[in-house]
N, C-alpha and C. Protein backbone atom coordinates (compact mmCIF):
# COMPACT_ATOMS: atom_id res chain seq x y z
N MET A 1 26.20 -5.49 4.78
CA MET A 1 25.19 -4.62 4.15
C MET A 1 25.94 -4.76 2.87
N ALA A 2 25.58 -5.27 1.22
CA ALA A 2 25.86 -5.23 -0.01
C ALA A 2 26.15 -4.04 -0.64
N VAL A 3 27.15 -3.77 -1.22
CA VAL A 3 28.21 -2.84 -1.19
C VAL A 3 28.46 -3.44 -3.19
N PRO A 4 27.86 -1.82 -4.05
CA PRO A 4 28.17 -2.62 -5.51
C PRO A 4 29.46 -2.19 -5.59
N LYS A 5 29.97 -3.76 -6.39
CA LYS A 5 31.15 -3.79 -7.11
C LYS A 5 32.10 -2.12 -8.37
N ARG A 6 30.81 -1.98 -8.84
CA ARG A 6 31.32 -0.68 -9.69
C ARG A 6 30.04 -0.13 -9.91
N LYS A 7 30.16 1.01 -9.90
CA LYS A 7 29.55 2.44 -10.66
C LYS A 7 28.16 1.87 -11.04
N MET A 8 26.93 2.45 -11.02
CA MET A 8 25.72 2.27 -12.20
C MET A 8 25.99 3.34 -13.37
N SER A 9 25.55 3.56 -14.19
CA SER A 9 25.31 4.73 -14.85
C SER A 9 23.88 4.61 -14.65
N ARG A 10 24.15 6.51 -15.26
CA ARG A 10 22.20 7.89 -14.09
C ARG A 10 21.43 7.02 -15.37
N SER A 11 21.64 6.06 -16.41
CA SER A 11 20.88 6.13 -17.63
C SER A 11 19.96 4.64 -16.75
N ARG A 12 20.53 3.81 -16.82
CA ARG A 12 20.57 2.75 -16.17
C ARG A 12 19.99 2.91 -14.51
N THR A 13 20.12 3.47 -13.59
CA THR A 13 19.73 3.60 -12.95
C THR A 13 18.19 4.34 -12.84
N ARG A 14 18.17 5.35 -13.90
CA ARG A 14 16.64 6.11 -13.55
C ARG A 14 16.08 5.24 -13.86
N SER A 15 16.45 3.60 -15.07
CA SER A 15 15.13 3.38 -16.05
C SER A 15 14.78 2.54 -15.03
N ARG A 16 15.49 1.81 -14.54
CA ARG A 16 15.13 0.95 -12.96
C ARG A 16 14.23 1.60 -11.96
N ARG A 17 14.29 3.25 -12.11
CA ARG A 17 13.56 3.15 -10.63
C ARG A 17 12.36 3.80 -11.77
N ALA A 18 12.72 3.78 -12.96
CA ALA A 18 11.23 4.61 -13.66
C ALA A 18 10.53 3.72 -13.63
N ARG A 19 10.14 2.29 -13.10
CA ARG A 19 9.45 1.58 -14.07
C ARG A 19 8.56 1.12 -12.81
N TRP A 20 9.33 1.22 -11.74
CA TRP A 20 8.22 1.16 -9.85
C TRP A 20 6.91 1.91 -10.83
N THR A 21 5.76 1.60 -9.77
CA THR A 21 4.61 2.01 -10.29
C THR A 21 4.11 1.81 -8.91
N ALA A 22 3.30 2.19 -7.74
CA ALA A 22 2.45 2.03 -6.50
C ALA A 22 1.38 1.14 -7.15
N GLN A 23 0.58 0.71 -6.32
CA GLN A 23 -0.40 -0.45 -6.85
C GLN A 23 -1.69 0.26 -5.66
N VAL A 24 -2.92 0.51 -6.29
CA VAL A 24 -3.92 -0.13 -5.28
C VAL A 24 -4.22 -1.04 -4.85
N PRO A 25 -4.49 -0.89 -3.72
CA PRO A 25 -5.33 -1.67 -2.74
C PRO A 25 -6.24 -2.10 -2.95
N ASP A 26 -6.20 -3.35 -2.92
CA ASP A 26 -7.37 -4.42 -2.96
C ASP A 26 -8.47 -4.06 -2.46
N LEU A 27 -9.78 -3.35 -1.77
CA LEU A 27 -10.83 -3.15 -0.73
C LEU A 27 -11.33 -4.73 -0.21
N VAL A 28 -11.35 -4.83 0.99
CA VAL A 28 -12.75 -5.19 1.30
C VAL A 28 -13.68 -5.22 2.08
N PRO A 29 -14.57 -5.73 2.45
CA PRO A 29 -15.91 -5.20 2.91
C PRO A 29 -15.10 -5.20 4.32
N ALA A 30 -15.62 -4.82 5.14
CA ALA A 30 -14.87 -4.39 6.69
C ALA A 30 -15.78 -4.93 7.95
N THR A 31 -16.88 -3.73 7.62
CA THR A 31 -17.83 -3.70 8.46
C THR A 31 -19.07 -2.98 8.16
N THR A 32 -19.96 -3.21 9.17
CA THR A 32 -21.32 -2.35 8.95
C THR A 32 -21.02 -1.03 10.09
N VAL A 33 -20.81 0.12 9.10
CA VAL A 33 -20.96 1.73 9.57
C VAL A 33 -22.50 2.27 9.78
N ASP A 34 -23.21 2.66 10.34
CA ASP A 34 -24.22 3.36 10.35
C ASP A 34 -24.82 3.12 9.32
N GLY A 35 -24.96 1.49 8.67
CA GLY A 35 -26.37 1.15 8.10
C GLY A 35 -25.76 0.37 6.71
N ARG A 36 -24.41 1.26 6.54
CA ARG A 36 -23.95 0.68 5.81
C ARG A 36 -22.67 0.20 5.34
N GLN A 37 -22.51 -1.34 4.22
CA GLN A 37 -20.82 -1.84 4.65
C GLN A 37 -19.80 -1.24 3.60
N VAL A 38 -19.30 -0.77 4.98
CA VAL A 38 -17.63 0.20 4.64
C VAL A 38 -16.38 -1.35 4.18
N GLN A 39 -15.83 -0.21 2.46
CA GLN A 39 -15.04 -0.93 2.09
C GLN A 39 -12.76 -0.72 3.03
N VAL A 40 -12.48 -0.71 2.84
CA VAL A 40 -10.95 -0.88 3.59
C VAL A 40 -10.49 -1.50 2.70
N PRO A 41 -9.34 -1.00 3.09
CA PRO A 41 -7.95 -2.20 2.60
C PRO A 41 -7.99 -3.28 3.61
N ALA A 42 -6.97 -4.66 2.72
CA ALA A 42 -7.20 -5.66 3.54
C ALA A 42 -6.58 -5.24 5.07
N ARG A 43 -4.98 -4.54 4.93
CA ARG A 43 -4.55 -4.61 5.77
C ARG A 43 -4.99 -3.72 7.26
N LEU A 44 -6.42 -2.52 7.48
CA LEU A 44 -6.25 -2.18 7.77
C LEU A 44 -8.02 -2.37 8.61
N VAL A 45 -8.61 -4.02 8.18
CA VAL A 45 -9.56 -4.60 8.58
C VAL A 45 -9.79 -4.84 10.37
N PRO A 46 -8.95 -4.92 10.65
CA PRO A 46 -8.19 -5.06 12.44
C PRO A 46 -8.73 -3.82 13.45
N ALA A 47 -7.56 -2.88 12.11
CA ALA A 47 -7.77 -1.35 13.34
C ALA A 47 -9.58 -0.43 13.24
N VAL A 48 -10.04 -1.43 11.50
CA VAL A 48 -11.55 -1.48 11.86
C VAL A 48 -11.95 -1.45 12.51
N ARG A 49 -11.76 -2.92 13.16
CA ARG A 49 -13.06 -3.95 13.84
C ARG A 49 -12.88 -3.13 15.44
N ARG A 50 -11.96 -2.34 15.41
CA ARG A 50 -11.45 -2.30 16.76
C ARG A 50 -11.82 -0.81 17.14
N GLY A 51 -11.97 0.02 16.65
CA GLY A 51 -12.06 1.19 16.47
C GLY A 51 -11.43 2.56 16.26
N LEU A 52 -9.84 1.36 16.22
CA LEU A 52 -8.94 2.44 15.85
C LEU A 52 -8.82 4.09 14.51
N VAL A 53 -9.41 3.34 13.55
CA VAL A 53 -9.29 3.66 12.65
C VAL A 53 -11.04 3.98 12.33
N VAL A 54 -11.59 4.88 12.03
CA VAL A 54 -12.49 5.37 11.93
C VAL A 54 -12.91 5.64 9.86
N PRO A 55 -13.17 5.29 9.14
CA PRO A 55 -14.21 5.06 7.70
C PRO A 55 -14.93 6.08 8.00
N ASP A 56 -14.63 6.65 6.45
CA ASP A 56 -15.26 7.83 5.80
C ASP A 56 -16.81 7.33 5.74
């Protein structure tokens, strides 16, 4: 496991953490449900097709 050799300052730590932002997942057409096309994140397409996840 990597261990820092020196203490990282508070301002350096907080500025590094402040740059992180969550990204909106890309939606892809999965399947038709009740006659309409459903858009879900790409990682959920297999689960939707198997019926494990019910899209709203």
